Amino acid sequence: MITFNSEQTALLGKLTAFMLSYNRNVNLTRITEPSEVHEKHYTDSILPLELADVPRGTSVIDVGTGAGFPGVIWKLYRPDLQVTLLDSLRKRITYLELLRDELAVDYTAIHGRSEQLALSPVYREQYGVAVSRAVANLPALCELCLPLVQVGGVMLAMKGSEVEDTGNAAVLLGGEVERVHDYTLPSGDKRSLILIRKISPTPPEYPRQRVNIVKNPLR
C-alpha cells in the first residue's frame, strides 16, 4: 500500500488544487474528481516506482509527461531522484514550470521531442531511467525512450491491461525485456509495467524521424 507522509500529503493537496484550477483554461486532464485524481494519477504513478526498485539519486526522464505524470509524483515521493520532464507541447511545459514554483520542488522541464533530444550527446544515453505513460505502441515507445537510457539503465513502459510485444525493437535499440509486472489499482483497473534493460549502446541510426517511428515501427 502506498502511503504519503504529512509533507507529501500537503504537496499533493496543493498539486490537486493548482492542476484543477489550471485545467479550466488549459486541457491537462479529463480526470477532475479529487479521489480519482489521487488513484489514477498519484497512486498509478507511484506503483511502478516501487515495482522497479529505482536506486537513490537516479537520473530520470519522463517522456511525454503531459501534466507531469508520473515524473512530478516521483519527485514528490522520492526527492533524491533527478527528474526531467519532457513534452512536445509548450503549454504543458509552461504549466509544469509554474507548478514547480507553486510546489517549490526541483525538477527540469524541457519542451521538445525525444527523437530530437536523443540525437544530442547532452541527452543521448544520459539517464538511468526513461519512463513513459505515453499512448504509443510498444515498439514505437522503445525507439522514443531507449536511446535516452544509459547502458545498465532501464526503460519503464506504463501500459494498460493490453500489452503488445516489443518485437525486435528492444533488441535493435540495445535493450532486452527483463520482466513484466501486472498490477491492479484499488478501483480494480488493470495495469502493466514493462521493464526493458539497456544492455548495449543504441546504434547511431536510431532514433529515426517521428513519422517513420509511428508509421513504420520496428518489428
Protein backbone atom coordinates (compact mmCIF):
# COMPACT_ATOMS: atom_id res chain seq x y z
CA MET A 1 0.00 0.00 0.00
CA ILE A 2 1.29 3.45 -0.93
CA THR A 3 1.47 5.90 1.99
CA PHE A 4 2.50 9.54 1.95
CA ASN A 5 3.96 11.46 4.89
CA SER A 6 2.38 14.72 6.07
CA GLU A 7 4.63 16.92 3.91
CA GLN A 8 3.94 14.85 0.79
CA THR A 9 0.21 14.85 1.51
CA ALA A 10 0.24 18.65 1.78
CA LEU A 11 2.13 18.95 -1.53
CA LEU A 12 -0.30 16.60 -3.26
CA GLY A 13 -3.16 18.75 -1.98
CA LYS A 14 -1.52 21.85 -3.47
CA LEU A 15 -0.87 19.98 -6.70
CA THR A 16 -4.51 18.89 -6.99
CA ALA A 17 -5.84 22.39 -6.37
CA PHE A 18 -3.37 24.02 -8.78
CA MET A 19 -3.88 21.46 -11.55
CA LEU A 20 -7.67 21.50 -11.42
CA SER A 21 -7.73 25.30 -11.39
CA TYR A 22 -5.31 25.48 -14.36
CA ASN A 23 -7.30 22.75 -16.11
CA ARG A 24 -10.27 25.14 -16.50
CA ASN A 25 -8.34 27.04 -19.16
CA VAL A 26 -5.79 24.53 -20.44
CA ASN A 27 -6.73 20.91 -21.04
CA LEU A 28 -4.39 18.90 -18.82
CA THR A 29 -6.56 16.01 -17.63
CA ARG A 30 -10.02 14.56 -18.09
CA ILE A 31 -9.90 13.26 -14.52
CA THR A 32 -11.21 16.00 -12.26
CA GLU A 33 -12.74 14.20 -9.28
CA PRO A 34 -10.14 14.52 -6.46
CA SER A 35 -10.48 10.88 -5.37
CA GLU A 36 -9.94 9.73 -8.95
CA VAL A 37 -7.01 12.11 -9.35
CA HIS A 38 -5.38 10.53 -6.30
CA GLU A 39 -5.80 6.98 -7.59
CA LYS A 40 -5.43 7.30 -11.36
CA HIS A 41 -2.65 9.88 -11.33
CA TYR A 42 -0.89 9.69 -7.96
CA THR A 43 -1.16 6.03 -6.92
CA ASP A 44 -0.80 4.88 -10.53
CA SER A 45 2.39 6.94 -10.80
CA ILE A 46 3.96 5.59 -7.62
CA LEU A 47 3.32 1.87 -8.05
CA PRO A 48 5.78 1.46 -10.99
CA LEU A 49 8.45 3.29 -8.99
CA GLU A 50 8.03 0.74 -6.20
CA LEU A 51 7.95 -2.24 -8.56
CA ALA A 52 11.07 -1.18 -10.47
CA ASP A 53 13.23 -0.60 -7.37
CA VAL A 54 14.88 2.57 -8.71
CA PRO A 55 18.21 3.30 -6.90
CA ARG A 56 18.72 6.51 -4.95
CA GLY A 57 19.92 9.50 -6.93
CA THR A 58 18.94 8.03 -10.30
CA SER A 59 18.54 10.43 -13.23
CA VAL A 60 15.05 10.01 -14.65
CA ILE A 61 13.42 11.33 -17.82
CA ASP A 62 9.64 11.21 -18.17
CA VAL A 63 8.95 11.04 -21.90
CA GLY A 64 5.66 12.61 -22.98
CA THR A 65 4.95 13.67 -19.41
CA GLY A 66 1.71 15.53 -20.16
CA ALA A 67 0.52 17.05 -16.88
CA GLY A 68 3.60 15.66 -15.12
CA PHE A 69 2.69 12.05 -14.51
CA PRO A 70 4.49 10.10 -13.34
CA GLY A 71 7.54 12.40 -13.11
CA VAL A 72 6.24 15.09 -10.73
CA ILE A 73 4.82 12.46 -8.36
CA TRP A 74 8.12 10.57 -8.41
CA LYS A 75 9.92 13.74 -7.38
CA LEU A 76 7.48 14.42 -4.54
CA TYR A 77 7.68 10.83 -3.32
CA ARG A 78 11.42 10.42 -3.91
CA PRO A 79 13.19 13.83 -3.64
CA ASP A 80 16.54 12.08 -4.18
CA LEU A 81 15.71 11.44 -7.84
CA GLN A 82 16.95 13.82 -10.55
CA VAL A 83 13.80 14.24 -12.63
CA THR A 84 13.46 15.68 -16.14
CA LEU A 85 10.03 16.15 -17.69
CA LEU A 86 9.82 16.13 -21.49
CA ASP A 87 6.80 17.13 -23.55
CA SER A 88 6.25 18.36 -27.09
CA LEU A 89 3.56 20.90 -26.17
CA ARG A 90 4.79 24.27 -24.95
CA LYS A 91 1.61 24.94 -22.95
CA ARG A 92 2.22 21.84 -20.84
CA ILE A 93 5.80 22.85 -20.12
CA THR A 94 4.60 26.32 -19.12
CA TYR A 95 2.19 24.69 -16.67
CA LEU A 96 4.92 22.43 -15.28
CA GLU A 97 7.24 25.39 -14.76
CA LEU A 98 4.51 27.24 -12.86
CA LEU A 99 3.75 24.09 -10.87
CA ARG A 100 7.43 23.76 -9.94
CA ASP A 101 7.29 27.24 -8.42
CA GLU A 102 3.98 26.52 -6.69
CA LEU A 103 5.30 23.35 -5.04
CA ALA A 104 8.87 24.62 -4.56
CA VAL A 105 10.34 21.36 -5.86
CA ASP A 106 13.35 20.90 -8.11
CA TYR A 107 12.86 19.27 -11.50
CA THR A 108 13.73 20.14 -15.09
CA ALA A 109 11.02 20.71 -17.70
CA ILE A 110 12.01 20.54 -21.38
CA HIS A 111 9.93 21.48 -24.42
CA GLY A 112 10.91 19.09 -27.18
CA ARG A 113 10.63 15.65 -28.74
CA SER A 114 12.56 12.64 -27.53
CA GLU A 115 13.71 11.60 -31.02
CA GLN A 116 15.33 15.01 -31.43
CA LEU A 117 16.86 15.15 -27.94
CA ALA A 118 18.37 11.71 -28.43
CA LEU A 119 20.49 13.00 -31.32
CA SER A 120 22.35 15.33 -28.94
CA PRO A 121 25.19 14.00 -26.76
CA VAL A 122 23.83 16.21 -23.97
CA TYR A 123 20.85 13.86 -23.64
CA ARG A 124 21.66 10.66 -25.51
CA GLU A 125 22.17 7.72 -23.13
CA GLN A 126 22.38 10.05 -20.13
CA TYR A 127 19.50 8.72 -17.98
CA GLY A 128 19.30 5.82 -15.59
CA VAL A 129 15.56 5.54 -16.19
CA ALA A 130 13.27 6.60 -19.03
CA VAL A 131 9.62 6.24 -18.07
CA SER A 132 6.52 6.87 -20.14
CA ARG A 133 2.77 6.65 -19.85
CA ALA A 134 2.55 7.90 -23.44
CA VAL A 135 -0.10 6.32 -25.63
CA ALA A 136 2.02 4.64 -28.29
CA ASN A 137 2.59 1.08 -29.38
CA LEU A 138 5.43 -0.59 -27.54
CA PRO A 139 7.90 -0.82 -30.47
CA ALA A 140 7.49 2.92 -31.12
CA LEU A 141 7.79 3.69 -27.41
CA CYS A 142 11.06 1.73 -27.31
CA GLU A 143 12.51 3.90 -30.07
CA LEU A 144 11.37 7.08 -28.32
CA CYS A 145 12.81 6.08 -24.93
CA LEU A 146 15.73 3.63 -25.18
CA PRO A 147 18.15 6.00 -26.99
CA LEU A 148 17.98 8.24 -23.89
CA VAL A 149 18.84 5.44 -21.46
CA GLN A 150 22.41 4.77 -20.41
CA VAL A 151 23.79 1.23 -20.66
CA GLY A 152 22.75 -0.58 -17.50
CA GLY A 153 19.70 1.63 -17.05
CA VAL A 154 16.07 0.79 -17.71
CA MET A 155 13.10 1.89 -19.75
CA LEU A 156 9.77 1.62 -17.93
CA ALA A 157 6.65 1.48 -20.10
CA MET A 158 3.41 2.02 -18.17
CA LYS A 159 0.60 0.37 -20.09
CA GLY A 160 -2.99 -0.72 -19.62
CA SER A 161 -4.04 -4.34 -19.42
CA GLU A 162 -3.42 -4.98 -23.13
CA VAL A 163 0.33 -5.23 -23.70
CA GLU A 164 1.72 -5.82 -27.19
CA ASP A 165 5.08 -7.44 -27.89
CA THR A 166 8.13 -5.25 -28.48
CA GLY A 167 9.01 -7.42 -31.48
CA ASN A 168 12.67 -6.87 -32.34
CA ALA A 169 12.54 -3.19 -31.35
CA ALA A 170 14.09 -3.58 -27.90
CA VAL A 171 16.94 -5.74 -29.24
CA LEU A 172 17.67 -3.45 -32.19
CA LEU A 173 17.87 -0.47 -29.82
CA GLY A 174 20.21 -2.16 -27.33
CA GLY A 175 17.66 -3.42 -24.83
CA GLU A 176 16.01 -6.59 -23.65
CA VAL A 177 12.73 -7.15 -21.85
CA GLU A 178 13.68 -8.06 -18.29
CA ARG A 179 10.23 -8.53 -16.79
CA VAL A 180 6.58 -7.51 -16.91
CA HIS A 181 4.70 -6.58 -13.76
CA ASP A 182 0.92 -6.85 -13.81
CA TYR A 183 -0.85 -4.97 -11.05
CA THR A 184 -4.25 -3.61 -10.11
CA LEU A 185 -5.31 -0.20 -8.86
CA PRO A 186 -7.62 -0.05 -5.84
CA SER A 187 -10.56 0.54 -8.21
CA GLY A 188 -9.79 -2.74 -9.97
CA ASP A 189 -8.30 -1.18 -13.11
CA LYS A 190 -5.59 -3.39 -14.60
CA ARG A 191 -2.11 -2.08 -15.37
CA SER A 192 1.15 -3.49 -16.68
CA LEU A 193 4.71 -2.25 -16.27
CA ILE A 194 7.23 -3.41 -18.86
CA LEU A 195 10.84 -3.15 -17.68
CA ILE A 196 13.40 -3.13 -20.51
CA ARG A 197 17.07 -3.21 -19.53
CA LYS A 198 19.59 -1.31 -21.69
CA ILE A 199 22.40 -3.80 -22.29
CA SER A 200 24.31 -2.15 -25.17
CA PRO A 201 24.51 1.28 -26.85
CA THR A 202 21.75 2.23 -29.27
CA PRO A 203 23.08 2.14 -32.87
CA PRO A 204 23.63 5.66 -34.29
CA GLU A 205 20.89 5.28 -36.92
CA TYR A 206 18.27 5.35 -34.16
CA PRO A 207 16.01 7.05 -33.35
CA ARG A 208 14.56 7.75 -36.78
CA GLN A 209 12.29 10.65 -37.67
CA ARG A 210 8.96 10.54 -35.83
CA VAL A 211 6.93 9.87 -38.98
CA ASN A 212 8.90 6.65 -39.51
CA ILE A 213 8.75 5.69 -35.84
CA VAL A 214 4.97 5.99 -35.80
CA LYS A 215 4.08 4.72 -39.29
CA ASN A 216 6.75 2.02 -39.56
CA PRO A 217 7.56 0.83 -36.04
CA LEU A 218 10.47 -1.56 -35.66
CA ARG A 219 9.47 -5.21 -35.89
